[in-house]
Amino acid sequence: MEALHNSGHEGKVDIGLDVAASEFFDAKNKTYNFSQKTGKNDRILSQDETIALYKNLCDNYPLVSIEDPFDQDDFEAYIKMTALMGDKVQIVGDDLLVTNPKRV
């Protein structure tokens, strides 16, 4: 946001995220480890906490699209997030659909 402001593009640019959440999903515990690469494990969020994180980001920044916000097999999370905020942000399930042609 600071870069957009400093460049004179504030209000002219929308933001999209490609989270690639399958990379830090712990299937055994059904959690998302956002601190996985730091070695600290201090940002491990449940499905609902992860949804709340995305909602907070959308409420505070001009996000228009979030790609792969959950693991490709976490159907429940996609359903919950779409119901909560699907009318405010585009939720893209690239890994959910594209990596498995049988699902399409």
PDB file of N, CA and C in Angstrom:
ATOM      1  N   MET A   1       0.829  -1.182   0.000  1.00  0.00           N
ATOM      2  CA  MET A   1       0.000   0.000   0.000  1.00  0.00           C
ATOM      3  C   MET A   1       0.877   1.251   0.000  1.00  0.00           C
ATOM      4  N   GLU A   2       1.974   1.169   0.716  1.00  0.00           N
ATOM      5  CA  GLU A   2       2.902   2.301   0.740  1.00  0.00           C
ATOM      6  C   GLU A   2       3.484   2.546  -0.656  1.00  0.00           C
ATOM      7  N   ALA A   3       3.842   1.475  -1.357  1.00  0.00           N
ATOM      8  CA  ALA A   3       4.388   1.611  -2.705  1.00  0.00           C
ATOM      9  C   ALA A   3       3.349   2.200  -3.654  1.00  0.00           C
ATOM     10  N   LEU A   4       2.091   1.777  -3.535  1.00  0.00           N
ATOM     11  CA  LEU A   4       1.032   2.335  -4.368  1.00  0.00           C
ATOM     12  C   LEU A   4       0.864   3.829  -4.093  1.00  0.00           C
ATOM     13  N   HIS A   5       0.889   4.169  -2.835  1.00  0.00           N
ATOM     14  CA  HIS A   5       0.752   5.572  -2.451  1.00  0.00           C
ATOM     15  C   HIS A   5       1.913   6.400  -2.994  1.00  0.00           C
ATOM     16  N   ASN A   6       3.140   5.922  -2.757  1.00  0.00           N
ATOM     17  CA  ASN A   6       4.323   6.671  -3.164  1.00  0.00           C
ATOM     18  C   ASN A   6       4.459   6.801  -4.675  1.00  0.00           C
ATOM     19  N   SER A   7       3.909   5.848  -5.404  1.00  0.00           N
ATOM     20  CA  SER A   7       4.011   5.888  -6.865  1.00  0.00           C
ATOM     21  C   SER A   7       2.859   6.652  -7.526  1.00  0.00           C
ATOM     22  N   GLY A   8       1.907   7.091  -6.713  1.00  0.00           N
ATOM     23  CA  GLY A   8       0.768   7.811  -7.261  1.00  0.00           C
ATOM     24  C   GLY A   8      -0.315   6.904  -7.823  1.00  0.00           C
ATOM     25  N   HIS A   9      -0.252   5.617  -7.505  1.00  0.00           N
ATOM     26  CA  HIS A   9      -1.228   4.659  -8.031  1.00  0.00           C
ATOM     27  C   HIS A   9      -2.295   4.254  -7.024  1.00  0.00           C
ATOM     28  N   GLU A  10      -2.273   4.851  -5.866  1.00  0.00           N
ATOM     29  CA  GLU A  10      -3.270   4.530  -4.850  1.00  0.00           C
ATOM     30  C   GLU A  10      -4.671   4.796  -5.390  1.00  0.00           C
ATOM     31  N   GLY A  11      -5.556   3.822  -5.225  1.00  0.00           N
ATOM     32  CA  GLY A  11      -6.916   3.949  -5.727  1.00  0.00           C
ATOM     33  C   GLY A  11      -7.059   3.600  -7.202  1.00  0.00           C
ATOM     34  N   LYS A  12      -5.947   3.340  -7.860  1.00  0.00           N
ATOM     35  CA  LYS A  12      -5.964   3.005  -9.282  1.00  0.00           C
ATOM     36  C   LYS A  12      -5.624   1.545  -9.543  1.00  0.00           C
ATOM     37  N   VAL A  13      -5.152   0.856  -8.515  1.00  0.00           N
ATOM     38  CA  VAL A  13      -4.685  -0.520  -8.661  1.00  0.00           C
ATOM     39  C   VAL A  13      -5.413  -1.407  -7.661  1.00  0.00           C
ATOM     40  N   ASP A  14      -5.877  -2.542  -8.149  1.00  0.00           N
ATOM     41  CA  ASP A  14      -6.455  -3.544  -7.260  1.00  0.00           C
ATOM     42  C   ASP A  14      -5.395  -4.609  -6.986  1.00  0.00           C
ATOM     43  N   ILE A  15      -5.586  -5.342  -5.920  1.00  0.00           N
ATOM     44  CA  ILE A  15      -4.598  -6.335  -5.508  1.00  0.00           C
ATOM     45  C   ILE A  15      -5.217  -7.727  -5.515  1.00  0.00           C
ATOM     46  N   GLY A  16      -4.456  -8.687  -6.007  1.00  0.00           N
ATOM     47  CA  GLY A  16      -4.848 -10.089  -5.959  1.00  0.00           C
ATOM     48  C   GLY A  16      -3.743 -10.890  -5.303  1.00  0.00           C
ATOM     49  N   LEU A  17      -4.118 -11.937  -4.613  1.00  0.00           N
ATOM     50  CA  LEU A  17      -3.154 -12.812  -3.956  1.00  0.00           C
ATOM     51  C   LEU A  17      -3.222 -14.208  -4.553  1.00  0.00           C
ATOM     52  N   ASP A  18      -2.078 -14.836  -4.718  1.00  0.00           N
ATOM     53  CA  ASP A  18      -2.020 -16.266  -5.027  1.00  0.00           C
ATOM     54  C   ASP A  18      -1.357 -16.911  -3.825  1.00  0.00           C
ATOM     55  N   VAL A  19      -2.171 -17.394  -2.921  1.00  0.00           N
ATOM     56  CA  VAL A  19      -1.687 -17.876  -1.632  1.00  0.00           C
ATOM     57  C   VAL A  19      -0.963 -19.215  -1.746  1.00  0.00           C
ATOM     58  N   ALA A  20      -1.420 -20.100  -2.635  1.00  0.00           N
ATOM     59  CA  ALA A  20      -0.832 -21.441  -2.783  1.00  0.00           C
ATOM     60  C   ALA A  20      -0.818 -22.174  -1.442  1.00  0.00           C
ATOM     61  N   ALA A  21      -1.961 -22.157  -0.768  1.00  0.00           N
ATOM     62  CA  ALA A  21      -2.075 -22.682   0.595  1.00  0.00           C
ATOM     63  C   ALA A  21      -1.801 -24.177   0.720  1.00  0.00           C
ATOM     64  N   SER A  22      -1.899 -24.917  -0.364  1.00  0.00           N
ATOM     65  CA  SER A  22      -1.580 -26.349  -0.294  1.00  0.00           C
ATOM     66  C   SER A  22      -0.140 -26.571   0.155  1.00  0.00           C
ATOM     67  N   GLU A  23       0.710 -25.572  -0.085  1.00  0.00           N
ATOM     68  CA  GLU A  23       2.129 -25.685   0.265  1.00  0.00           C
ATOM     69  C   GLU A  23       2.374 -25.660   1.767  1.00  0.00           C
ATOM     70  N   PHE A  24       1.454 -25.100   2.535  1.00  0.00           N
ATOM     71  CA  PHE A  24       1.670 -25.036   3.985  1.00  0.00           C
ATOM     72  C   PHE A  24       0.489 -25.588   4.778  1.00  0.00           C
ATOM     73  N   PHE A  25      -0.271 -26.467   4.142  1.00  0.00           N
ATOM     74  CA  PHE A  25      -1.401 -27.125   4.800  1.00  0.00           C
ATOM     75  C   PHE A  25      -0.928 -28.396   5.480  1.00  0.00           C
ATOM     76  N   ASP A  26      -1.338 -28.576   6.715  1.00  0.00           N
ATOM     77  CA  ASP A  26      -1.051 -29.799   7.468  1.00  0.00           C
ATOM     78  C   ASP A  26      -2.337 -30.626   7.475  1.00  0.00           C
ATOM     79  N   ALA A  27      -2.397 -31.629   6.597  1.00  0.00           N
ATOM     80  CA  ALA A  27      -3.617 -32.430   6.434  1.00  0.00           C
ATOM     81  C   ALA A  27      -3.975 -33.196   7.706  1.00  0.00           C
ATOM     82  N   LYS A  28      -2.977 -33.638   8.431  1.00  0.00           N
ATOM     83  CA  LYS A  28      -3.232 -34.409   9.652  1.00  0.00           C
ATOM     84  C   LYS A  28      -3.997 -33.576  10.682  1.00  0.00           C
ATOM     85  N   ASN A  29      -3.574 -32.328  10.858  1.00  0.00           N
ATOM     86  CA  ASN A  29      -4.199 -31.452  11.860  1.00  0.00           C
ATOM     87  C   ASN A  29      -5.211 -30.481  11.269  1.00  0.00           C
ATOM     88  N   LYS A  30      -5.330 -30.489   9.929  1.00  0.00           N
ATOM     89  CA  LYS A  30      -6.218 -29.559   9.228  1.00  0.00           C
ATOM     90  C   LYS A  30      -5.945 -28.117   9.640  1.00  0.00           C
ATOM     91  N   THR A  31      -4.663 -27.742   9.607  1.00  0.00           N
ATOM     92  CA  THR A  31      -4.248 -26.387   9.940  1.00  0.00           C
ATOM     93  C   THR A  31      -3.377 -25.830   8.820  1.00  0.00           C
ATOM     94  N   TYR A  32      -3.220 -24.522   8.851  1.00  0.00           N
ATOM     95  CA  TYR A  32      -2.393 -23.813   7.886  1.00  0.00           C
ATOM     96  C   TYR A  32      -1.249 -23.152   8.647  1.00  0.00           C
ATOM     97  N   ASN A  33      -0.023 -23.553   8.305  1.00  0.00           N
ATOM     98  CA  ASN A  33       1.155 -23.065   9.013  1.00  0.00           C
ATOM     99  C   ASN A  33       1.781 -21.916   8.225  1.00  0.00           C
ATOM    100  N   PHE A  34       1.389 -20.706   8.560  1.00  0.00           N
ATOM    101  CA  PHE A  34       1.888 -19.523   7.875  1.00  0.00           C
ATOM    102  C   PHE A  34       3.317 -19.173   8.286  1.00  0.00           C
ATOM    103  N   SER A  35       3.852 -19.838   9.289  1.00  0.00           N
ATOM    104  CA  SER A  35       5.226 -19.576   9.725  1.00  0.00           C
ATOM    105  C   SER A  35       6.147 -20.742   9.402  1.00  0.00           C
ATOM    106  N   GLN A  36       5.695 -21.641   8.581  1.00  0.00           N
ATOM    107  CA  GLN A  36       6.414 -22.878   8.273  1.00  0.00           C
ATOM    108  C   GLN A  36       7.874 -22.642   7.876  1.00  0.00           C
ATOM    109  N   LYS A  37       8.129 -21.641   7.066  1.00  0.00           N
ATOM    110  CA  LYS A  37       9.483 -21.414   6.571  1.00  0.00           C
ATOM    111  C   LYS A  37      10.355 -20.637   7.548  1.00  0.00           C
ATOM    112  N   THR A  38       9.776 -20.145   8.628  1.00  0.00           N
ATOM    113  CA  THR A  38      10.566 -19.419   9.621  1.00  0.00           C
ATOM    114  C   THR A  38      11.140 -20.353  10.677  1.00  0.00           C
ATOM    115  N   GLY A  39      10.569 -21.560  10.766  1.00  0.00           N
ATOM    116  CA  GLY A  39      11.020 -22.518  11.762  1.00  0.00           C
ATOM    117  C   GLY A  39      10.448 -22.281  13.144  1.00  0.00           C
ATOM    118  N   LYS A  40       9.582 -21.287  13.283  1.00  0.00           N
ATOM    119  CA  LYS A  40       9.042 -20.946  14.599  1.00  0.00           C
ATOM    120  C   LYS A  40       7.711 -21.615  14.896  1.00  0.00           C
ATOM    121  N   ASN A  41       6.905 -21.880  13.870  1.00  0.00           N
ATOM    122  CA  ASN A  41       5.572 -22.457  14.037  1.00  0.00           C
ATOM    123  C   ASN A  41       4.696 -21.641  14.981  1.00  0.00           C
ATOM    124  N   ASP A  42       4.776 -20.327  14.855  1.00  0.00           N
ATOM    125  CA  ASP A  42       3.990 -19.460  15.725  1.00  0.00           C
ATOM    126  C   ASP A  42       2.773 -18.851  15.036  1.00  0.00           C
ATOM    127  N   ARG A  43       2.541 -19.243  13.779  1.00  0.00           N
ATOM    128  CA  ARG A  43       1.371 -18.750  13.043  1.00  0.00           C
ATOM    129  C   ARG A  43       0.635 -19.930  12.413  1.00  0.00           C
ATOM    130  N   ILE A  44       0.235 -20.879  13.243  1.00  0.00           N
ATOM    131  CA  ILE A  44      -0.527 -22.034  12.777  1.00  0.00           C
ATOM    132  C   ILE A  44      -2.001 -21.731  13.020  1.00  0.00           C
ATOM    133  N   LEU A  45      -2.756 -21.661  11.925  1.00  0.00           N
ATOM    134  CA  LEU A  45      -4.153 -21.255  12.025  1.00  0.00           C
ATOM    135  C   LEU A  45      -5.093 -22.385  11.632  1.00  0.00           C
ATOM    136  N   SER A  46      -6.218 -22.430  12.314  1.00  0.00           N
ATOM    137  CA  SER A  46      -7.280 -23.358  11.944  1.00  0.00           C
ATOM    138  C   SER A  46      -7.936 -22.857  10.653  1.00  0.00           C
ATOM    139  N   GLN A  47      -8.806 -23.660  10.125  1.00  0.00           N
ATOM    140  CA  GLN A  47      -9.566 -23.277   8.922  1.00  0.00           C
ATOM    141  C   GLN A  47     -10.319 -21.965   9.156  1.00  0.00           C
ATOM    142  N   ASP A  48     -11.034 -21.872  10.264  1.00  0.00           N
ATOM    143  CA  ASP A  48     -11.816 -20.667  10.554  1.00  0.00           C
ATOM    144  C   ASP A  48     -10.922 -19.454  10.798  1.00  0.00           C
ATOM    145  N   GLU A  49      -9.787 -19.657  11.449  1.00  0.00           N
ATOM    146  CA  GLU A  49      -8.850 -18.553  11.671  1.00  0.00           C
ATOM    147  C   GLU A  49      -8.244 -18.078  10.347  1.00  0.00           C
ATOM    148  N   THR A  50      -8.019 -19.009   9.436  1.00  0.00           N
ATOM    149  CA  THR A  50      -7.486 -18.654   8.122  1.00  0.00           C
ATOM    150  C   THR A  50      -8.507 -17.844   7.347  1.00  0.00           C
ATOM    151  N   ILE A  51      -9.759 -18.253   7.401  1.00  0.00           N
ATOM    152  CA  ILE A  51     -10.835 -17.487   6.757  1.00  0.00           C
ATOM    153  C   ILE A  51     -10.903 -16.085   7.359  1.00  0.00           C
ATOM    154  N   ALA A  52     -10.807 -15.982   8.681  1.00  0.00           N
ATOM    155  CA  ALA A  52     -10.838 -14.673   9.351  1.00  0.00           C
ATOM    156  C   ALA A  52      -9.663 -13.801   8.910  1.00  0.00           C
ATOM    157  N   LEU A  53      -8.501 -14.403   8.699  1.00  0.00           N
ATOM    158  CA  LEU A  53      -7.340 -13.662   8.214  1.00  0.00           C
ATOM    159  C   LEU A  53      -7.626 -13.068   6.838  1.00  0.00           C
ATOM    160  N   TYR A  54      -8.161 -13.880   5.930  1.00  0.00           N
ATOM    161  CA  TYR A  54      -8.487 -13.388   4.591  1.00  0.00           C
ATOM    162  C   TYR A  54      -9.558 -12.302   4.637  1.00  0.00           C
ATOM    163  N   LYS A  55     -10.543 -12.483   5.498  1.00  0.00           N
ATOM    164  CA  LYS A  55     -11.604 -11.473   5.623  1.00  0.00           C
ATOM    165  C   LYS A  55     -11.018 -10.158   6.112  1.00  0.00           C
ATOM    166  N   ASN A  56     -10.134 -10.231   7.078  1.00  0.00           N
ATOM    167  CA  ASN A  56      -9.482  -9.031   7.601  1.00  0.00           C
ATOM    168  C   ASN A  56      -8.683  -8.324   6.504  1.00  0.00           C
ATOM    169  N   LEU A  57      -7.954  -9.099   5.707  1.00  0.00           N
ATOM    170  CA  LEU A  57      -7.183  -8.510   4.609  1.00  0.00           C
ATOM    171  C   LEU A  57      -8.109  -7.817   3.606  1.00  0.00           C
ATOM    172  N   CYS A  58      -9.222  -8.472   3.275  1.00  0.00           N
ATOM    173  CA  CYS A  58     -10.169  -7.899   2.317  1.00  0.00           C
ATOM    174  C   CYS A  58     -10.857  -6.658   2.872  1.00  0.00           C
ATOM    175  N   ASP A  59     -11.082  -6.634   4.178  1.00  0.00           N
ATOM    176  CA  ASP A  59     -11.721  -5.477   4.803  1.00  0.00           C
ATOM    177  C   ASP A  59     -10.793  -4.267   4.846  1.00  0.00           C
ATOM    178  N   ASN A  60      -9.480  -4.520   4.827  1.00  0.00           N
ATOM    179  CA  ASN A  60      -8.518  -3.439   5.020  1.00  0.00           C
ATOM    180  C   ASN A  60      -7.691  -3.059   3.796  1.00  0.00           C
ATOM    181  N   TYR A  61      -7.774  -3.861   2.755  1.00  0.00           N
ATOM    182  CA  TYR A  61      -6.989  -3.598   1.543  1.00  0.00           C
ATOM    183  C   TYR A  61      -7.858  -3.834   0.313  1.00  0.00           C
ATOM    184  N   PRO A  62      -7.505  -3.214  -0.805  1.00  0.00           N
ATOM    185  CA  PRO A  62      -8.330  -3.361  -2.013  1.00  0.00           C
ATOM    186  C   PRO A  62      -8.089  -4.682  -2.740  1.00  0.00           C
ATOM    187  N   LEU A  63      -8.341  -5.783  -2.047  1.00  0.00           N
ATOM    188  CA  LEU A  63      -8.173  -7.106  -2.643  1.00  0.00           C
ATOM    189  C   LEU A  63      -9.392  -7.431  -3.495  1.00  0.00           C
ATOM    190  N   VAL A  64      -9.144  -7.876  -4.710  1.00  0.00           N
ATOM    191  CA  VAL A  64     -10.251  -8.252  -5.590  1.00  0.00           C
ATOM    192  C   VAL A  64     -10.253  -9.742  -5.898  1.00  0.00           C
ATOM    193  N   SER A  65      -9.135 -10.419  -5.620  1.00  0.00           N
ATOM    194  CA  SER A  65      -9.028 -11.835  -5.962  1.00  0.00           C
ATOM    195  C   SER A  65      -8.072 -12.541  -5.016  1.00  0.00           C
ATOM    196  N   ILE A  66      -8.460 -13.738  -4.590  1.00  0.00           N
ATOM    197  CA  ILE A  66      -7.581 -14.584  -3.787  1.00  0.00           C
ATOM    198  C   ILE A  66      -7.573 -15.959  -4.431  1.00  0.00           C
ATOM    199  N   GLU A  67      -6.397 -16.363  -4.895  1.00  0.00           N
ATOM    200  CA  GLU A  67      -6.242 -17.648  -5.571  1.00  0.00           C
ATOM    201  C   GLU A  67      -5.653 -18.673  -4.607  1.00  0.00           C
ATOM    202  N   ASP A  68      -6.221 -19.860  -4.619  1.00  0.00           N
ATOM    203  CA  ASP A  68      -5.767 -20.978  -3.790  1.00  0.00           C
ATOM    204  C   ASP A  68      -5.601 -20.605  -2.310  1.00  0.00           C
ATOM    205  N   PRO A  69      -6.679 -20.085  -1.696  1.00  0.00           N
ATOM    206  CA  PRO A  69      -6.588 -19.707  -0.286  1.00  0.00           C
ATOM    207  C   PRO A  69      -6.545 -20.901   0.664  1.00  0.00           C
ATOM    208  N   PHE A  70      -6.864 -22.097   0.136  1.00  0.00           N
ATOM    209  CA  PHE A  70      -6.889 -23.306   0.957  1.00  0.00           C
ATOM    210  C   PHE A  70      -6.273 -24.464   0.198  1.00  0.00           C
ATOM    211  N   ASP A  71      -6.058 -25.546   0.897  1.00  0.00           N
ATOM    212  CA  ASP A  71      -5.566 -26.762   0.266  1.00  0.00           C
ATOM    213  C   ASP A  71      -6.569 -27.215  -0.791  1.00  0.00           C
ATOM    214  N   GLN A  72      -6.067 -27.853  -1.824  1.00  0.00           N
ATOM    215  CA  GLN A  72      -6.930 -28.265  -2.942  1.00  0.00           C
ATOM    216  C   GLN A  72      -8.007 -29.264  -2.541  1.00  0.00           C
ATOM    217  N   ASP A  73      -7.877 -29.902  -1.388  1.00  0.00           N
ATOM    218  CA  ASP A  73      -8.893 -30.850  -0.936  1.00  0.00           C
ATOM    219  C   ASP A  73      -9.703 -30.343   0.254  1.00  0.00           C
ATOM    220  N   ASP A  74      -9.508 -29.094   0.626  1.00  0.00           N
ATOM    221  CA  ASP A  74     -10.229 -28.527   1.760  1.00  0.00           C
ATOM    222  C   ASP A  74     -11.529 -27.875   1.266  1.00  0.00           C
ATOM    223  N   PHE A  75     -12.422 -28.720   0.777  1.00  0.00           N
ATOM    224  CA  PHE A  75     -13.682 -28.248   0.199  1.00  0.00           C
ATOM    225  C   PHE A  75     -14.497 -27.429   1.192  1.00  0.00           C
ATOM    226  N   GLU A  76     -14.519 -27.863   2.429  1.00  0.00           N
ATOM    227  CA  GLU A  76     -15.302 -27.181   3.464  1.00  0.00           C
ATOM    228  C   GLU A  76     -14.873 -25.719   3.605  1.00  0.00           C
ATOM    229  N   ALA A  77     -13.571 -25.474   3.577  1.00  0.00           N
ATOM    230  CA  ALA A  77     -13.072 -24.105   3.718  1.00  0.00           C
ATOM    231  C   ALA A  77     -13.493 -23.236   2.535  1.00  0.00           C
ATOM    232  N   TYR A  78     -13.416 -23.784   1.317  1.00  0.00           N
ATOM    233  CA  TYR A  78     -13.849 -23.033   0.138  1.00  0.00           C
ATOM    234  C   TYR A  78     -15.326 -22.673   0.245  1.00  0.00           C
ATOM    235  N   ILE A  79     -16.135 -23.614   0.708  1.00  0.00           N
ATOM    236  CA  ILE A  79     -17.575 -23.375   0.858  1.00  0.00           C
ATOM    237  C   ILE A  79     -17.831 -22.273   1.880  1.00  0.00           C
ATOM    238  N   LYS A  80     -17.166 -22.362   3.030  1.00  0.00           N
ATOM    239  CA  LYS A  80     -17.345 -21.364   4.091  1.00  0.00           C
ATOM    240  C   LYS A  80     -16.934 -19.970   3.625  1.00  0.00           C
ATOM    241  N   MET A  81     -15.760 -19.893   2.985  1.00  0.00           N
ATOM    242  CA  MET A  81     -15.258 -18.592   2.560  1.00  0.00           C
ATOM    243  C   MET A  81     -16.142 -17.988   1.473  1.00  0.00           C
ATOM    244  N   THR A  82     -16.590 -18.811   0.550  1.00  0.00           N
ATOM    245  CA  THR A  82     -17.456 -18.323  -0.519  1.00  0.00           C
ATOM    246  C   THR A  82     -18.762 -17.790   0.062  1.00  0.00           C
ATOM    247  N   ALA A  83     -19.329 -18.490   1.036  1.00  0.00           N
ATOM    248  CA  ALA A  83     -20.571 -18.031   1.670  1.00  0.00           C
ATOM    249  C   ALA A  83     -20.356 -16.718   2.418  1.00  0.00           C
ATOM    250  N   LEU A  84     -19.218 -16.579   3.072  1.00  0.00           N
ATOM    251  CA  LEU A  84     -18.936 -15.403   3.890  1.00  0.00           C
ATOM    252  C   LEU A  84     -18.569 -14.174   3.066  1.00  0.00           C
ATOM    253  N   MET A  85     -17.761 -14.367   2.023  1.00  0.00           N
ATOM    254  CA  MET A  85     -17.233 -13.198   1.334  1.00  0.00           C
ATOM    255  C   MET A  85     -17.128 -13.333  -0.175  1.00  0.00           C
ATOM    256  N   GLY A  86     -17.775 -14.341  -0.730  1.00  0.00           N
ATOM    257  CA  GLY A  86     -17.721 -14.554  -2.169  1.00  0.00           C
ATOM    258  C   GLY A  86     -18.345 -13.442  -2.991  1.00  0.00           C
ATOM    259  N   ASP A  87     -19.175 -12.631  -2.366  1.00  0.00           N
ATOM    260  CA  ASP A  87     -19.768 -11.495  -3.079  1.00  0.00           C
ATOM    261  C   ASP A  87     -18.868 -10.257  -3.049  1.00  0.00           C
ATOM    262  N   LYS A  88     -17.761 -10.329  -2.288  1.00  0.00           N
ATOM    263  CA  LYS A  88     -16.866  -9.184  -2.143  1.00  0.00           C
ATOM    264  C   LYS A  88     -15.512  -9.392  -2.803  1.00  0.00           C
ATOM    265  N   VAL A  89     -15.115 -10.640  -2.978  1.00  0.00           N
ATOM    266  CA  VAL A  89     -13.802 -10.949  -3.542  1.00  0.00           C
ATOM    267  C   VAL A  89     -13.918 -12.203  -4.398  1.00  0.00           C
ATOM    268  N   GLN A  90     -13.179 -12.234  -5.492  1.00  0.00           N
ATOM    269  CA  GLN A  90     -13.148 -13.425  -6.347  1.00  0.00           C
ATOM    270  C   GLN A  90     -12.292 -14.485  -5.663  1.00  0.00           C
ATOM    271  N   ILE A  91     -12.834 -15.663  -5.497  1.00  0.00           N
ATOM    272  CA  ILE A  91     -12.103 -16.770  -4.875  1.00  0.00           C
ATOM    273  C   ILE A  91     -11.796 -17.774  -5.972  1.00  0.00           C
ATOM    274  N   VAL A  92     -10.522 -17.932  -6.281  1.00  0.00           N
ATOM    275  CA  VAL A  92     -10.089 -18.769  -7.397  1.00  0.00           C
ATOM    276  C   VAL A  92      -9.528 -20.076  -6.849  1.00  0.00           C
ATOM    277  N   GLY A  93     -10.083 -21.179  -7.305  1.00  0.00           N
ATOM    278  CA  GLY A  93      -9.607 -22.496  -6.901  1.00  0.00           C
ATOM    279  C   GLY A  93      -8.770 -23.133  -7.988  1.00  0.00           C
ATOM    280  N   ASP A  94      -7.668 -22.515  -8.344  1.00  0.00           N
ATOM    281  CA  ASP A  94      -6.808 -23.035  -9.409  1.00  0.00           C
ATOM    282  C   ASP A  94      -6.363 -24.458  -9.102  1.00  0.00           C
ATOM    283  N   ASP A  95      -5.708 -24.666  -7.958  1.00  0.00           N
ATOM    284  CA  ASP A  95      -5.274 -26.012  -7.585  1.00  0.00           C
ATOM    285  C   ASP A  95      -6.473 -26.939  -7.384  1.00  0.00           C
ATOM    286  N   LEU A  96      -7.559 -26.393  -6.888  1.00  0.00           N
ATOM    287  CA  LEU A  96      -8.773 -27.159  -6.644  1.00  0.00           C
ATOM    288  C   LEU A  96      -9.298 -27.801  -7.919  1.00  0.00           C
ATOM    289  N   LEU A  97      -9.223 -27.070  -9.023  1.00  0.00           N
ATOM    290  CA  LEU A  97      -9.798 -27.554 -10.275  1.00  0.00           C
ATOM    291  C   LEU A  97      -8.769 -27.948 -11.331  1.00  0.00           C
ATOM    292  N   VAL A  98      -7.817 -27.103 -11.586  1.00  0.00           N
ATOM    293  CA  VAL A  98      -6.927 -27.293 -12.730  1.00  0.00           C
ATOM    294  C   VAL A  98      -5.984 -28.482 -12.566  1.00  0.00           C
ATOM    295  N   THR A  99      -5.524 -28.746 -11.371  1.00  0.00           N
ATOM    296  CA  THR A  99      -4.570 -29.837 -11.185  1.00  0.00           C
ATOM    297  C   THR A  99      -5.231 -31.198 -11.238  1.00  0.00           C
ATOM    298  N   ASN A 100      -6.556 -31.238 -11.244  1.00  0.00           N
ATOM    299  CA  ASN A 100      -7.261 -32.503 -11.281  1.00  0.00           C
ATOM    300  C   ASN A 100      -8.396 -32.431 -12.302  1.00  0.00           C
ATOM    301  N   PRO A 101      -8.129 -32.815 -13.546  1.00  0.00           N
ATOM    302  CA  PRO A 101      -9.148 -32.708 -14.603  1.00  0.00           C
ATOM    303  C   PRO A 101     -10.440 -33.466 -14.308  1.00  0.00           C
ATOM    304  N   LYS A 102     -10.397 -34.508 -13.479  1.00  0.00           N
ATOM    305  CA  LYS A 102     -11.611 -35.255 -13.145  1.00  0.00           C
ATOM    306  C   LYS A 102     -12.616 -34.380 -12.404  1.00  0.00           C
ATOM    307  N   ARG A 103     -12.128 -33.399 -11.655  1.00  0.00           N
ATOM    308  CA  ARG A 103     -13.014 -32.502 -10.908  1.00  0.00           C
ATOM    309  C   ARG A 103     -13.745 -31.554 -11.834  1.00  0.00           C
ATOM    310  N   VAL A 104     -13.096 -31.176 -12.922  1.00  0.00           N
ATOM    311  CA  VAL A 104     -13.714 -30.244 -13.862  1.00  0.00           C
ATOM    312  C   VAL A 104     -14.899 -30.914 -14.503  1.00  0.00           C
TER     313      VAL A 104
END
